[in-house]
Amino acid sequence: TQELAQIRPRILVILGADNDLKTNQDWENIQETFGGDADIELFLPNKFPPGQVKMKKALADCLRYGHKQSGAWSIIVFAGHGDAGGGLSLSRDEVVSSDDLREVLKPAIENGLGLLVLGACHGMAFGLNAIGDGVALPWTVAMQSKIEDRACILFLDELLKAYRDRHY
């Protein structure tokens, strides 16, 4: 823990499809929680016109190459919709599966990713499939089933504050 306390965290926040969700509240809470004490990058796939950008590839590139540009991701947070099959909705038209990201999560984990938070209904299905195959991620937090938006926002806020207080 002493070693972690000396590292400035890098946080990747992915705000997926937000048809009826308040993902902007998650973003504001994360910025408030870490303030200027972290490097926070926002990946906002649902703001691009449909079909203009292939979100799966853009996210994979962000996970794969982000650590080479500015150092390893310490925390990755996804906030948005998920489905029982383990898919996370990046936009209204594009869903990413654990199979899509398994290979790009592995280097992120090897480079120091310490916490993956999947703030989406059924996020656990994605997390279990994405992290399998002997890849050791210190912490994965995901919702097992359907969850109300407000409950997810409060949970994420309290979780990240506790993680910050313990590790940074």
C-alpha atoms as a PDB file:
ATOM      1  CA  THR A   1       0.000   0.000   0.000  1.00  0.00           C
ATOM      2  CA  GLN A   2       2.909   2.327   0.712  1.00  0.00           C
ATOM      3  CA  GLU A   3       4.120   1.868  -2.848  1.00  0.00           C
ATOM      4  CA  LEU A   4       0.652   2.650  -4.273  1.00  0.00           C
ATOM      5  CA  ALA A   5       0.366   5.813  -2.218  1.00  0.00           C
ATOM      6  CA  GLN A   6       3.274   7.350  -4.122  1.00  0.00           C
ATOM      7  CA  ILE A   7       1.751   6.744  -7.556  1.00  0.00           C
ATOM      8  CA  ARG A   8      -0.553   9.288  -9.181  1.00  0.00           C
ATOM      9  CA  PRO A   9      -3.522   7.234 -10.376  1.00  0.00           C
ATOM     10  CA  ARG A  10      -4.615   7.157 -14.021  1.00  0.00           C
ATOM     11  CA  ILE A  11      -8.320   6.566 -14.412  1.00  0.00           C
ATOM     12  CA  LEU A  12     -10.145   5.675 -17.605  1.00  0.00           C
ATOM     13  CA  VAL A  13     -13.864   6.458 -17.384  1.00  0.00           C
ATOM     14  CA  ILE A  14     -16.040   4.916 -20.099  1.00  0.00           C
ATOM     15  CA  LEU A  15     -19.536   6.361 -20.288  1.00  0.00           C
ATOM     16  CA  GLY A  16     -21.551   4.003 -22.457  1.00  0.00           C
ATOM     17  CA  ALA A  17     -25.073   4.196 -23.807  1.00  0.00           C
ATOM     18  CA  ASP A  18     -27.063   6.338 -21.410  1.00  0.00           C
ATOM     19  CA  ASN A  19     -30.590   6.385 -22.859  1.00  0.00           C
ATOM     20  CA  ASP A  20     -32.211   6.736 -19.444  1.00  0.00           C
ATOM     21  CA  LEU A  21     -29.170   6.833 -17.163  1.00  0.00           C
ATOM     22  CA  LYS A  22     -27.393   9.727 -15.492  1.00  0.00           C
ATOM     23  CA  THR A  23     -23.846   8.740 -16.429  1.00  0.00           C
ATOM     24  CA  ASN A  24     -22.867  12.414 -16.274  1.00  0.00           C
ATOM     25  CA  GLN A  25     -23.420  12.158 -12.498  1.00  0.00           C
ATOM     26  CA  ASP A  26     -20.886   9.302 -12.356  1.00  0.00           C
ATOM     27  CA  TRP A  27     -18.405  11.462 -14.279  1.00  0.00           C
ATOM     28  CA  GLU A  28     -18.915  14.431 -11.953  1.00  0.00           C
ATOM     29  CA  ASN A  29     -18.550  12.230  -8.851  1.00  0.00           C
ATOM     30  CA  ILE A  30     -15.291  10.717 -10.121  1.00  0.00           C
ATOM     31  CA  GLN A  31     -13.836  14.145 -10.858  1.00  0.00           C
ATOM     32  CA  GLU A  32     -14.875  15.377  -7.417  1.00  0.00           C
ATOM     33  CA  THR A  33     -13.535  12.280  -5.650  1.00  0.00           C
ATOM     34  CA  PHE A  34     -10.068  12.425  -7.201  1.00  0.00           C
ATOM     35  CA  GLY A  35      -9.902  16.120  -8.071  1.00  0.00           C
ATOM     36  CA  GLY A  36      -6.458  17.132  -9.232  1.00  0.00           C
ATOM     37  CA  ASP A  37      -4.915  14.088  -7.549  1.00  0.00           C
ATOM     38  CA  ALA A  38      -5.427  11.810 -10.556  1.00  0.00           C
ATOM     39  CA  ASP A  39      -5.104  11.829 -14.317  1.00  0.00           C
ATOM     40  CA  ILE A  40      -8.629  11.117 -15.509  1.00  0.00           C
ATOM     41  CA  GLU A  41      -9.461  10.376 -19.132  1.00  0.00           C
ATOM     42  CA  LEU A  42     -13.004  10.230 -20.476  1.00  0.00           C
ATOM     43  CA  PHE A  43     -14.021   7.821 -23.231  1.00  0.00           C
ATOM     44  CA  LEU A  44     -17.440   8.953 -24.427  1.00  0.00           C
ATOM     45  CA  PRO A  45     -18.625   6.671 -27.246  1.00  0.00           C
ATOM     46  CA  ASN A  46     -22.301   7.619 -27.129  1.00  0.00           C
ATOM     47  CA  LYS A  47     -21.610  11.193 -28.250  1.00  0.00           C
ATOM     48  CA  PHE A  48     -20.406  10.257 -31.753  1.00  0.00           C
ATOM     49  CA  PRO A  49     -22.879  10.078 -34.653  1.00  0.00           C
ATOM     50  CA  PRO A  50     -23.976   6.431 -35.197  1.00  0.00           C
ATOM     51  CA  GLY A  51     -21.662   4.509 -37.499  1.00  0.00           C
ATOM     52  CA  GLN A  52     -19.043   7.266 -37.733  1.00  0.00           C
ATOM     53  CA  VAL A  53     -16.559   5.625 -35.388  1.00  0.00           C
ATOM     54  CA  LYS A  54     -16.194   1.924 -34.599  1.00  0.00           C
ATOM     55  CA  MET A  55     -16.398   2.096 -30.824  1.00  0.00           C
ATOM     56  CA  LYS A  56     -15.072  -1.403 -30.131  1.00  0.00           C
ATOM     57  CA  LYS A  57     -11.874  -0.620 -32.014  1.00  0.00           C
ATOM     58  CA  ALA A  58     -11.561   2.849 -30.474  1.00  0.00           C
ATOM     59  CA  LEU A  59     -11.963   1.413 -26.965  1.00  0.00           C
ATOM     60  CA  ALA A  60      -9.556  -1.439 -27.676  1.00  0.00           C
ATOM     61  CA  ASP A  61      -6.980   1.083 -28.932  1.00  0.00           C
ATOM     62  CA  CYS A  62      -7.502   3.224 -25.831  1.00  0.00           C
ATOM     63  CA  LEU A  63      -6.932   0.224 -23.560  1.00  0.00           C
ATOM     64  CA  ARG A  64      -4.044  -1.126 -25.621  1.00  0.00           C
ATOM     65  CA  TYR A  65      -2.113   2.075 -26.266  1.00  0.00           C
ATOM     66  CA  GLY A  66      -3.223   4.400 -23.477  1.00  0.00           C
ATOM     67  CA  HIS A  67      -0.620   3.020 -21.075  1.00  0.00           C
ATOM     68  CA  LYS A  68       2.173   3.554 -23.610  1.00  0.00           C
ATOM     69  CA  GLN A  69       1.392   7.257 -23.894  1.00  0.00           C
ATOM     70  CA  SER A  70       0.980   8.264 -20.265  1.00  0.00           C
ATOM     71  CA  GLY A  71       1.538   5.239 -18.047  1.00  0.00           C
ATOM     72  CA  ALA A  72      -0.625   2.362 -16.904  1.00  0.00           C
ATOM     73  CA  TRP A  73      -4.310   2.639 -16.088  1.00  0.00           C
ATOM     74  CA  SER A  74      -4.840   2.321 -12.334  1.00  0.00           C
ATOM     75  CA  ILE A  75      -8.629   2.175 -12.518  1.00  0.00           C
ATOM     76  CA  ILE A  76     -11.082   1.574 -15.350  1.00  0.00           C
ATOM     77  CA  VAL A  77     -14.728   2.482 -14.751  1.00  0.00           C
ATOM     78  CA  PHE A  78     -17.593   1.657 -17.093  1.00  0.00           C
ATOM     79  CA  ALA A  79     -20.970   3.314 -16.509  1.00  0.00           C
ATOM     80  CA  GLY A  80     -23.850   2.496 -18.812  1.00  0.00           C
ATOM     81  CA  HIS A  81     -26.124  -0.330 -19.857  1.00  0.00           C
ATOM     82  CA  GLY A  82     -25.255  -4.021 -19.736  1.00  0.00           C
ATOM     83  CA  ASP A  83     -27.110  -7.184 -20.693  1.00  0.00           C
ATOM     84  CA  ALA A  84     -27.414 -10.655 -19.198  1.00  0.00           C
ATOM     85  CA  GLY A  85     -25.200 -12.082 -21.949  1.00  0.00           C
ATOM     86  CA  GLY A  86     -22.239 -10.043 -20.754  1.00  0.00           C
ATOM     87  CA  GLY A  87     -22.412  -7.207 -23.259  1.00  0.00           C
ATOM     88  CA  LEU A  88     -21.751  -3.556 -22.384  1.00  0.00           C
ATOM     89  CA  SER A  89     -23.507  -0.952 -24.539  1.00  0.00           C
ATOM     90  CA  LEU A  90     -20.953   1.532 -25.821  1.00  0.00           C
ATOM     91  CA  SER A  91     -23.567   3.375 -27.851  1.00  0.00           C
ATOM     92  CA  ARG A  92     -27.124   2.811 -28.963  1.00  0.00           C
ATOM     93  CA  ASP A  93     -25.791   0.807 -31.913  1.00  0.00           C
ATOM     94  CA  GLU A  94     -22.710  -0.949 -30.569  1.00  0.00           C
ATOM     95  CA  VAL A  95     -22.228  -3.486 -27.795  1.00  0.00           C
ATOM     96  CA  VAL A  96     -18.830  -4.713 -26.667  1.00  0.00           C
ATOM     97  CA  SER A  97     -18.441  -8.253 -25.341  1.00  0.00           C
ATOM     98  CA  SER A  98     -15.841  -9.690 -23.032  1.00  0.00           C
ATOM     99  CA  ASP A  99     -14.431 -11.597 -26.011  1.00  0.00           C
ATOM    100  CA  ASP A 100     -13.895  -8.271 -27.798  1.00  0.00           C
ATOM    101  CA  LEU A 101     -11.736  -6.897 -24.977  1.00  0.00           C
ATOM    102  CA  ARG A 102     -10.115  -9.905 -23.283  1.00  0.00           C
ATOM    103  CA  GLU A 103      -6.820  -9.594 -25.154  1.00  0.00           C
ATOM    104  CA  VAL A 104      -6.521  -5.828 -24.646  1.00  0.00           C
ATOM    105  CA  LEU A 105      -7.409  -5.992 -20.951  1.00  0.00           C
ATOM    106  CA  LYS A 106      -4.592  -8.447 -20.330  1.00  0.00           C
ATOM    107  CA  PRO A 107      -1.767  -5.931 -21.046  1.00  0.00           C
ATOM    108  CA  ALA A 108      -3.593  -3.265 -19.009  1.00  0.00           C
ATOM    109  CA  ILE A 109      -3.657  -5.680 -16.069  1.00  0.00           C
ATOM    110  CA  GLU A 110      -0.019  -6.658 -16.547  1.00  0.00           C
ATOM    111  CA  ASN A 111       0.893  -2.947 -16.578  1.00  0.00           C
ATOM    112  CA  GLY A 112      -0.749  -2.207 -13.240  1.00  0.00           C
ATOM    113  CA  LEU A 113      -4.523  -2.010 -13.604  1.00  0.00           C
ATOM    114  CA  GLY A 114      -5.716  -2.450 -10.037  1.00  0.00           C
ATOM    115  CA  LEU A 115      -9.475  -1.921 -10.210  1.00  0.00           C
ATOM    116  CA  LEU A 116     -12.090  -2.593 -12.871  1.00  0.00           C
ATOM    117  CA  VAL A 117     -15.562  -1.266 -12.030  1.00  0.00           C
ATOM    118  CA  LEU A 118     -18.491  -2.285 -14.216  1.00  0.00           C
ATOM    119  CA  GLY A 119     -21.375  -0.011 -13.271  1.00  0.00           C
ATOM    120  CA  ALA A 120     -23.937  -1.671 -15.507  1.00  0.00           C
ATOM    121  CA  CYS A 121     -26.738  -4.154 -15.048  1.00  0.00           C
ATOM    122  CA  HIS A 122     -25.351  -7.680 -15.371  1.00  0.00           C
ATOM    123  CA  GLY A 123     -21.770  -6.351 -15.462  1.00  0.00           C
ATOM    124  CA  MET A 124     -20.598  -9.442 -13.593  1.00  0.00           C
ATOM    125  CA  ALA A 125     -21.191 -11.601 -16.687  1.00  0.00           C
ATOM    126  CA  PHE A 126     -18.796  -9.358 -18.632  1.00  0.00           C
ATOM    127  CA  GLY A 127     -16.250  -9.240 -15.802  1.00  0.00           C
ATOM    128  CA  LEU A 128     -16.121 -12.995 -15.259  1.00  0.00           C
ATOM    129  CA  ASN A 129     -15.643 -13.687 -18.951  1.00  0.00           C
ATOM    130  CA  ALA A 130     -13.164 -10.867 -19.606  1.00  0.00           C
ATOM    131  CA  ILE A 131     -10.866 -11.613 -16.695  1.00  0.00           C
ATOM    132  CA  GLY A 132     -10.769 -15.414 -17.037  1.00  0.00           C
ATOM    133  CA  ASP A 133      -7.905 -17.461 -18.430  1.00  0.00           C
ATOM    134  CA  GLY A 134      -5.546 -17.024 -15.490  1.00  0.00           C
ATOM    135  CA  VAL A 135      -5.352 -13.230 -15.666  1.00  0.00           C
ATOM    136  CA  ALA A 136      -5.031 -11.875 -12.127  1.00  0.00           C
ATOM    137  CA  LEU A 137      -6.723  -8.527 -11.572  1.00  0.00           C
ATOM    138  CA  PRO A 138      -6.570  -7.367  -7.953  1.00  0.00           C
ATOM    139  CA  TRP A 139     -10.132  -5.972  -7.860  1.00  0.00           C
ATOM    140  CA  THR A 140     -13.162  -6.291 -10.109  1.00  0.00           C
ATOM    141  CA  VAL A 141     -16.464  -4.845  -8.940  1.00  0.00           C
ATOM    142  CA  ALA A 142     -19.559  -5.533 -11.008  1.00  0.00           C
ATOM    143  CA  MET A 143     -23.307  -5.670 -10.679  1.00  0.00           C
ATOM    144  CA  GLN A 144     -24.688  -9.217 -10.670  1.00  0.00           C
ATOM    145  CA  SER A 145     -28.130  -8.382 -12.008  1.00  0.00           C
ATOM    146  CA  LYS A 146     -30.342  -5.421 -12.807  1.00  0.00           C
ATOM    147  CA  ILE A 147     -29.727  -2.354 -10.624  1.00  0.00           C
ATOM    148  CA  GLU A 148     -31.435   0.996 -10.365  1.00  0.00           C
ATOM    149  CA  ASP A 149     -29.419   3.911 -11.755  1.00  0.00           C
ATOM    150  CA  ARG A 150     -29.461   5.911  -8.507  1.00  0.00           C
ATOM    151  CA  ALA A 151     -28.218   2.912  -6.503  1.00  0.00           C
ATOM    152  CA  CYS A 152     -25.401   2.336  -8.976  1.00  0.00           C
ATOM    153  CA  ILE A 153     -24.373   6.010  -8.859  1.00  0.00           C
ATOM    154  CA  LEU A 154     -24.250   5.996  -5.042  1.00  0.00           C
ATOM    155  CA  PHE A 155     -22.408   2.679  -4.917  1.00  0.00           C
ATOM    156  CA  LEU A 156     -19.772   3.795  -7.423  1.00  0.00           C
ATOM    157  CA  ASP A 157     -19.268   7.086  -5.590  1.00  0.00           C
ATOM    158  CA  GLU A 158     -18.746   5.425  -2.190  1.00  0.00           C
ATOM    159  CA  LEU A 159     -16.591   2.636  -3.639  1.00  0.00           C
ATOM    160  CA  LEU A 160     -14.188   5.042  -5.336  1.00  0.00           C
ATOM    161  CA  LYS A 161     -13.944   7.248  -2.249  1.00  0.00           C
ATOM    162  CA  ALA A 162     -13.052   4.206  -0.121  1.00  0.00           C
ATOM    163  CA  TYR A 163     -10.539   3.009  -2.740  1.00  0.00           C
ATOM    164  CA  ARG A 164      -8.974   6.481  -2.925  1.00  0.00           C
ATOM    165  CA  ASP A 165      -8.702   6.764   0.853  1.00  0.00           C
ATOM    166  CA  ARG A 166      -7.068   3.347   1.141  1.00  0.00           C
ATOM    167  CA  HIS A 167      -4.677   3.489  -1.809  1.00  0.00           C
ATOM    168  CA  TYR A 168      -3.850   7.132  -2.469  1.00  0.00           C
END
